[in-house]
N, C-alpha and C. Protein backbone atom coordinates (compact mmCIF):
# COMPACT_ATOMS: atom_id res chain seq x y z
N MET A 1 -15.91 15.96 -3.76
CA MET A 1 -15.34 15.63 -2.47
C MET A 1 -14.24 16.65 -2.16
N GLU A 2 -14.21 17.11 -0.95
CA GLU A 2 -13.21 18.11 -0.59
C GLU A 2 -11.84 17.45 -0.38
N PRO A 3 -10.76 18.18 -0.64
CA PRO A 3 -9.41 17.61 -0.56
C PRO A 3 -9.06 17.01 0.80
N ALA A 4 -9.47 17.64 1.89
CA ALA A 4 -9.15 17.10 3.22
C ALA A 4 -9.80 15.74 3.43
N LEU A 5 -11.03 15.59 2.97
CA LEU A 5 -11.73 14.32 3.11
C LEU A 5 -11.08 13.25 2.23
N ILE A 6 -10.65 13.63 1.04
CA ILE A 6 -9.96 12.68 0.17
C ILE A 6 -8.69 12.18 0.85
N LEU A 7 -7.92 13.08 1.44
CA LEU A 7 -6.67 12.68 2.10
C LEU A 7 -6.95 11.79 3.31
N ARG A 8 -7.93 12.15 4.10
CA ARG A 8 -8.26 11.33 5.27
C ARG A 8 -8.72 9.93 4.85
N THR A 9 -9.59 9.88 3.85
CA THR A 9 -10.10 8.59 3.39
C THR A 9 -8.98 7.73 2.82
N SER A 10 -8.12 8.32 2.01
CA SER A 10 -7.01 7.54 1.45
C SER A 10 -6.06 7.08 2.55
N THR A 11 -5.85 7.91 3.56
CA THR A 11 -4.98 7.52 4.67
C THR A 11 -5.57 6.33 5.42
N VAL A 12 -6.86 6.35 5.68
CA VAL A 12 -7.49 5.23 6.38
C VAL A 12 -7.40 3.95 5.54
N LEU A 13 -7.67 4.05 4.25
CA LEU A 13 -7.57 2.88 3.37
C LEU A 13 -6.15 2.33 3.36
N LEU A 14 -5.16 3.23 3.32
CA LEU A 14 -3.77 2.78 3.29
C LEU A 14 -3.34 2.18 4.62
N VAL A 15 -3.88 2.66 5.73
CA VAL A 15 -3.57 2.06 7.04
C VAL A 15 -4.10 0.64 7.09
N ILE A 16 -5.33 0.44 6.64
CA ILE A 16 -5.90 -0.91 6.63
C ILE A 16 -5.10 -1.82 5.70
N ALA A 17 -4.71 -1.30 4.54
CA ALA A 17 -3.89 -2.09 3.62
C ALA A 17 -2.54 -2.42 4.25
N ALA A 18 -1.97 -1.47 4.99
CA ALA A 18 -0.68 -1.71 5.64
C ALA A 18 -0.78 -2.81 6.68
N VAL A 19 -1.88 -2.83 7.43
CA VAL A 19 -2.07 -3.90 8.41
C VAL A 19 -2.11 -5.26 7.70
N GLY A 20 -2.81 -5.31 6.58
CA GLY A 20 -2.84 -6.55 5.79
C GLY A 20 -1.45 -6.91 5.29
N GLY A 21 -0.68 -5.91 4.88
CA GLY A 21 0.69 -6.17 4.43
C GLY A 21 1.57 -6.70 5.54
N ILE A 22 1.38 -6.18 6.75
CA ILE A 22 2.16 -6.66 7.89
C ILE A 22 1.80 -8.11 8.20
N VAL A 23 0.51 -8.43 8.14
CA VAL A 23 0.08 -9.81 8.38
C VAL A 23 0.68 -10.73 7.31
N MET A 24 0.66 -10.30 6.04
CA MET A 24 1.23 -11.13 4.98
C MET A 24 2.74 -11.30 5.17
N ALA A 25 3.42 -10.24 5.59
CA ALA A 25 4.85 -10.36 5.86
C ALA A 25 5.10 -11.33 7.00
N GLY A 26 4.21 -11.32 7.98
CA GLY A 26 4.32 -12.28 9.07
C GLY A 26 4.24 -13.72 8.57
N PHE A 27 3.30 -13.97 7.66
CA PHE A 27 3.21 -15.30 7.05
C PHE A 27 4.51 -15.66 6.34
N ARG A 28 5.05 -14.70 5.59
CA ARG A 28 6.24 -14.97 4.79
C ARG A 28 7.47 -15.20 5.65
N PHE A 29 7.66 -14.35 6.65
CA PHE A 29 8.89 -14.43 7.44
C PHE A 29 8.78 -15.43 8.59
N ALA A 30 7.58 -15.86 8.94
CA ALA A 30 7.42 -16.85 10.00
C ALA A 30 7.58 -18.27 9.47
N GLY A 31 7.85 -18.37 8.18
CA GLY A 31 8.06 -19.69 7.60
C GLY A 31 6.78 -20.45 7.36
N ALA A 32 5.83 -19.81 6.71
CA ALA A 32 4.55 -20.46 6.40
C ALA A 32 4.72 -21.50 5.32
N GLY A 33 5.94 -21.82 5.01
CA GLY A 33 6.19 -22.84 4.00
C GLY A 33 6.06 -22.28 2.59
N ASP A 34 5.77 -23.15 1.68
CA ASP A 34 5.66 -22.74 0.28
C ASP A 34 4.30 -22.15 -0.05
N ARG A 35 3.37 -22.21 0.91
CA ARG A 35 2.03 -21.71 0.64
C ARG A 35 1.98 -20.19 0.59
N GLY A 36 2.76 -19.52 1.40
CA GLY A 36 2.69 -18.07 1.46
C GLY A 36 1.46 -17.62 2.21
N SER A 37 1.04 -16.39 1.96
CA SER A 37 -0.13 -15.85 2.66
C SER A 37 -1.40 -16.22 1.89
N PRO A 38 -2.54 -16.19 2.55
CA PRO A 38 -3.80 -16.51 1.87
C PRO A 38 -4.08 -15.55 0.71
N ALA A 39 -4.57 -16.11 -0.37
CA ALA A 39 -4.84 -15.31 -1.57
C ALA A 39 -5.86 -14.21 -1.30
N ALA A 40 -6.86 -14.49 -0.48
CA ALA A 40 -7.88 -13.48 -0.19
C ALA A 40 -7.27 -12.28 0.53
N LEU A 41 -6.34 -12.53 1.43
CA LEU A 41 -5.68 -11.44 2.13
C LEU A 41 -4.84 -10.61 1.17
N ALA A 42 -4.14 -11.27 0.27
CA ALA A 42 -3.33 -10.55 -0.72
C ALA A 42 -4.21 -9.70 -1.63
N MET A 43 -5.36 -10.24 -2.03
CA MET A 43 -6.27 -9.48 -2.89
C MET A 43 -6.87 -8.29 -2.14
N LEU A 44 -7.25 -8.49 -0.89
CA LEU A 44 -7.80 -7.39 -0.10
C LEU A 44 -6.75 -6.30 0.11
N HIS A 45 -5.53 -6.69 0.42
CA HIS A 45 -4.42 -5.74 0.59
C HIS A 45 -4.25 -4.90 -0.68
N GLY A 46 -4.20 -5.56 -1.82
CA GLY A 46 -4.03 -4.85 -3.08
C GLY A 46 -5.20 -3.96 -3.42
N PHE A 47 -6.42 -4.45 -3.18
CA PHE A 47 -7.61 -3.66 -3.47
C PHE A 47 -7.66 -2.39 -2.64
N LEU A 48 -7.42 -2.52 -1.32
CA LEU A 48 -7.47 -1.35 -0.45
C LEU A 48 -6.35 -0.36 -0.78
N ALA A 49 -5.16 -0.88 -1.05
CA ALA A 49 -4.05 0.00 -1.41
C ALA A 49 -4.35 0.71 -2.73
N ALA A 50 -4.90 -0.02 -3.70
CA ALA A 50 -5.24 0.61 -4.98
C ALA A 50 -6.32 1.67 -4.82
N ALA A 51 -7.29 1.43 -3.95
CA ALA A 51 -8.34 2.43 -3.70
C ALA A 51 -7.73 3.69 -3.09
N GLY A 52 -6.82 3.51 -2.13
CA GLY A 52 -6.15 4.66 -1.52
C GLY A 52 -5.32 5.43 -2.52
N ILE A 53 -4.59 4.71 -3.37
CA ILE A 53 -3.76 5.35 -4.40
C ILE A 53 -4.64 6.07 -5.42
N THR A 54 -5.79 5.48 -5.76
CA THR A 54 -6.70 6.13 -6.70
C THR A 54 -7.20 7.45 -6.15
N LEU A 55 -7.54 7.47 -4.88
CA LEU A 55 -7.96 8.74 -4.26
C LEU A 55 -6.82 9.75 -4.28
N LEU A 56 -5.59 9.30 -4.04
CA LEU A 56 -4.45 10.22 -4.08
C LEU A 56 -4.23 10.75 -5.50
N LEU A 57 -4.40 9.91 -6.49
CA LEU A 57 -4.27 10.37 -7.88
C LEU A 57 -5.35 11.39 -8.21
N HIS A 58 -6.56 11.16 -7.71
CA HIS A 58 -7.64 12.13 -7.91
C HIS A 58 -7.27 13.46 -7.27
N ALA A 59 -6.75 13.39 -6.04
CA ALA A 59 -6.34 14.62 -5.36
C ALA A 59 -5.20 15.30 -6.10
N ALA A 60 -4.28 14.51 -6.63
CA ALA A 60 -3.17 15.10 -7.38
C ALA A 60 -3.67 15.80 -8.64
N ALA A 61 -4.67 15.22 -9.29
CA ALA A 61 -5.20 15.81 -10.51
C ALA A 61 -6.03 17.06 -10.24
N THR A 62 -6.71 17.10 -9.11
CA THR A 62 -7.60 18.23 -8.86
C THR A 62 -7.00 19.31 -7.97
N VAL A 63 -6.10 18.92 -7.07
CA VAL A 63 -5.57 19.88 -6.11
C VAL A 63 -4.06 20.09 -6.28
N GLY A 64 -3.41 19.16 -6.95
CA GLY A 64 -1.98 19.30 -7.17
C GLY A 64 -1.11 18.62 -6.13
N LEU A 65 -1.63 17.59 -5.46
CA LEU A 65 -0.84 16.85 -4.49
C LEU A 65 0.09 15.88 -5.20
N THR A 66 1.15 15.51 -4.53
CA THR A 66 2.05 14.51 -5.09
C THR A 66 2.11 13.31 -4.16
N GLY A 67 2.31 12.17 -4.71
CA GLY A 67 2.42 10.95 -3.92
C GLY A 67 3.26 9.93 -4.64
N MET A 68 4.40 10.36 -5.16
CA MET A 68 5.21 9.49 -6.01
C MET A 68 5.73 8.25 -5.27
N ALA A 69 6.08 8.38 -4.00
CA ALA A 69 6.59 7.21 -3.28
C ALA A 69 5.51 6.14 -3.15
N LEU A 70 4.28 6.56 -2.88
CA LEU A 70 3.20 5.59 -2.78
C LEU A 70 2.88 4.98 -4.14
N ILE A 71 2.97 5.78 -5.18
CA ILE A 71 2.73 5.25 -6.52
C ILE A 71 3.82 4.26 -6.90
N ALA A 72 5.06 4.53 -6.49
CA ALA A 72 6.15 3.58 -6.74
C ALA A 72 5.90 2.28 -5.98
N ALA A 73 5.43 2.38 -4.75
CA ALA A 73 5.11 1.18 -3.98
C ALA A 73 3.98 0.40 -4.63
N ALA A 74 2.99 1.12 -5.14
CA ALA A 74 1.88 0.46 -5.82
C ALA A 74 2.36 -0.26 -7.07
N GLY A 75 3.24 0.39 -7.82
CA GLY A 75 3.81 -0.26 -9.00
C GLY A 75 4.57 -1.52 -8.62
N GLY A 76 5.29 -1.43 -7.52
CA GLY A 76 6.00 -2.62 -7.03
C GLY A 76 5.03 -3.71 -6.64
N GLY A 77 3.92 -3.33 -6.03
CA GLY A 77 2.90 -4.32 -5.67
C GLY A 77 2.30 -5.00 -6.87
N VAL A 78 2.09 -4.26 -7.94
CA VAL A 78 1.57 -4.85 -9.17
C VAL A 78 2.57 -5.85 -9.73
N ILE A 79 3.84 -5.49 -9.70
CA ILE A 79 4.88 -6.41 -10.19
C ILE A 79 4.92 -7.66 -9.32
N LEU A 80 4.83 -7.47 -8.00
CA LEU A 80 4.84 -8.63 -7.10
C LEU A 80 3.68 -9.56 -7.41
N ASN A 81 2.53 -9.00 -7.68
CA ASN A 81 1.35 -9.82 -7.95
C ASN A 81 1.46 -10.55 -9.29
N SER A 82 1.90 -9.89 -10.30
CA SER A 82 1.90 -10.49 -11.63
C SER A 82 3.06 -11.44 -11.86
N ARG A 83 4.18 -11.19 -11.23
CA ARG A 83 5.37 -11.97 -11.52
C ARG A 83 5.43 -13.29 -10.74
N TRP A 84 4.99 -13.26 -9.51
CA TRP A 84 5.17 -14.44 -8.66
C TRP A 84 3.85 -15.10 -8.27
N GLU A 85 2.96 -15.28 -9.22
CA GLU A 85 1.73 -15.99 -8.92
C GLU A 85 2.06 -17.40 -8.45
N GLN A 86 1.42 -17.80 -7.39
CA GLN A 86 1.55 -19.14 -6.83
C GLN A 86 2.93 -19.45 -6.24
N LEU A 87 3.82 -18.48 -6.16
CA LEU A 87 5.14 -18.71 -5.56
C LEU A 87 5.32 -17.77 -4.38
N PRO A 88 6.04 -18.22 -3.34
CA PRO A 88 6.35 -17.29 -2.26
C PRO A 88 7.27 -16.19 -2.77
N LEU A 89 7.02 -14.98 -2.33
CA LEU A 89 7.84 -13.85 -2.78
C LEU A 89 9.23 -13.94 -2.18
N PRO A 90 10.24 -13.50 -2.92
CA PRO A 90 11.57 -13.41 -2.32
C PRO A 90 11.52 -12.43 -1.15
N ARG A 91 12.17 -12.78 -0.07
CA ARG A 91 12.11 -11.93 1.12
C ARG A 91 12.65 -10.55 0.85
N TRP A 92 13.73 -10.45 0.08
CA TRP A 92 14.32 -9.13 -0.18
C TRP A 92 13.34 -8.24 -0.93
N LEU A 93 12.57 -8.82 -1.82
CA LEU A 93 11.61 -8.02 -2.59
C LEU A 93 10.46 -7.54 -1.70
N SER A 94 10.03 -8.38 -0.78
CA SER A 94 9.01 -7.97 0.18
C SER A 94 9.51 -6.81 1.03
N VAL A 95 10.77 -6.87 1.44
CA VAL A 95 11.35 -5.82 2.28
C VAL A 95 11.45 -4.51 1.50
N VAL A 96 11.89 -4.56 0.25
CA VAL A 96 12.00 -3.35 -0.57
C VAL A 96 10.62 -2.73 -0.76
N HIS A 97 9.62 -3.54 -1.07
CA HIS A 97 8.25 -3.05 -1.24
C HIS A 97 7.77 -2.37 0.05
N ALA A 98 8.05 -2.99 1.18
CA ALA A 98 7.63 -2.43 2.46
C ALA A 98 8.33 -1.10 2.75
N ILE A 99 9.61 -1.02 2.47
CA ILE A 99 10.36 0.23 2.73
C ILE A 99 9.81 1.38 1.89
N VAL A 100 9.57 1.12 0.61
CA VAL A 100 9.03 2.18 -0.25
C VAL A 100 7.62 2.57 0.19
N ALA A 101 6.81 1.58 0.56
CA ALA A 101 5.44 1.87 1.00
C ALA A 101 5.44 2.67 2.30
N VAL A 102 6.31 2.30 3.24
CA VAL A 102 6.36 3.02 4.51
C VAL A 102 6.84 4.45 4.29
N ALA A 103 7.85 4.63 3.44
CA ALA A 103 8.34 5.99 3.16
C ALA A 103 7.23 6.84 2.53
N GLY A 104 6.53 6.28 1.57
CA GLY A 104 5.43 7.01 0.95
C GLY A 104 4.30 7.29 1.92
N PHE A 105 4.02 6.33 2.80
CA PHE A 105 2.95 6.53 3.77
C PHE A 105 3.32 7.62 4.77
N ILE A 106 4.55 7.65 5.21
CA ILE A 106 5.00 8.70 6.13
C ILE A 106 4.85 10.07 5.48
N LEU A 107 5.22 10.17 4.22
CA LEU A 107 5.05 11.44 3.51
C LEU A 107 3.57 11.80 3.40
N ARG A 108 2.73 10.81 3.14
CA ARG A 108 1.30 11.06 3.01
C ARG A 108 0.70 11.49 4.34
N VAL A 109 1.09 10.84 5.44
CA VAL A 109 0.58 11.23 6.75
C VAL A 109 1.03 12.64 7.11
N ALA A 110 2.27 12.97 6.75
CA ALA A 110 2.75 14.33 7.01
C ALA A 110 1.90 15.35 6.28
N ALA A 111 1.52 15.05 5.06
CA ALA A 111 0.67 15.96 4.29
C ALA A 111 -0.75 15.97 4.84
N THR A 112 -1.22 14.84 5.32
CA THR A 112 -2.59 14.73 5.81
C THR A 112 -2.75 15.30 7.20
N SER A 113 -1.71 15.26 8.02
CA SER A 113 -1.83 15.66 9.41
C SER A 113 -2.27 17.11 9.56
N THR A 114 -2.00 17.94 8.59
CA THR A 114 -2.42 19.34 8.68
C THR A 114 -3.92 19.48 8.43
N THR A 115 -4.56 18.44 7.91
CA THR A 115 -5.99 18.52 7.59
C THR A 115 -6.87 17.80 8.58
N TRP A 116 -6.31 17.21 9.65
CA TRP A 116 -7.10 16.45 10.64
C TRP A 116 -7.64 17.38 11.71
N LYS A 117 -8.54 18.22 11.38
CA LYS A 117 -9.08 19.18 12.36
C LYS A 117 -10.48 18.85 12.75
């Protein structure tokens, strides 16, 4: 797979994952009670984000790209998933995860924008 296609594909996957993250944040901050967001949505969000990160890691290994902010956000997502099963996430932790993910995504889009021809 060529590097430009890898970047475009990972960007699309991360955009879809981000939309899912925004919907989940809406559940959390709109006061969905103790239920939190639907488990299927959380799993889809994580799966799509992991797929995008995996493509970025492949690109980093073959072409030399970096994506440390997104990898940090992914690590945070893994911690969020494993630590708070069945509990609503603390709002501050959701915000920190979102800030790191948005920063990493902005950096990724900046790198990808030169390949959208």
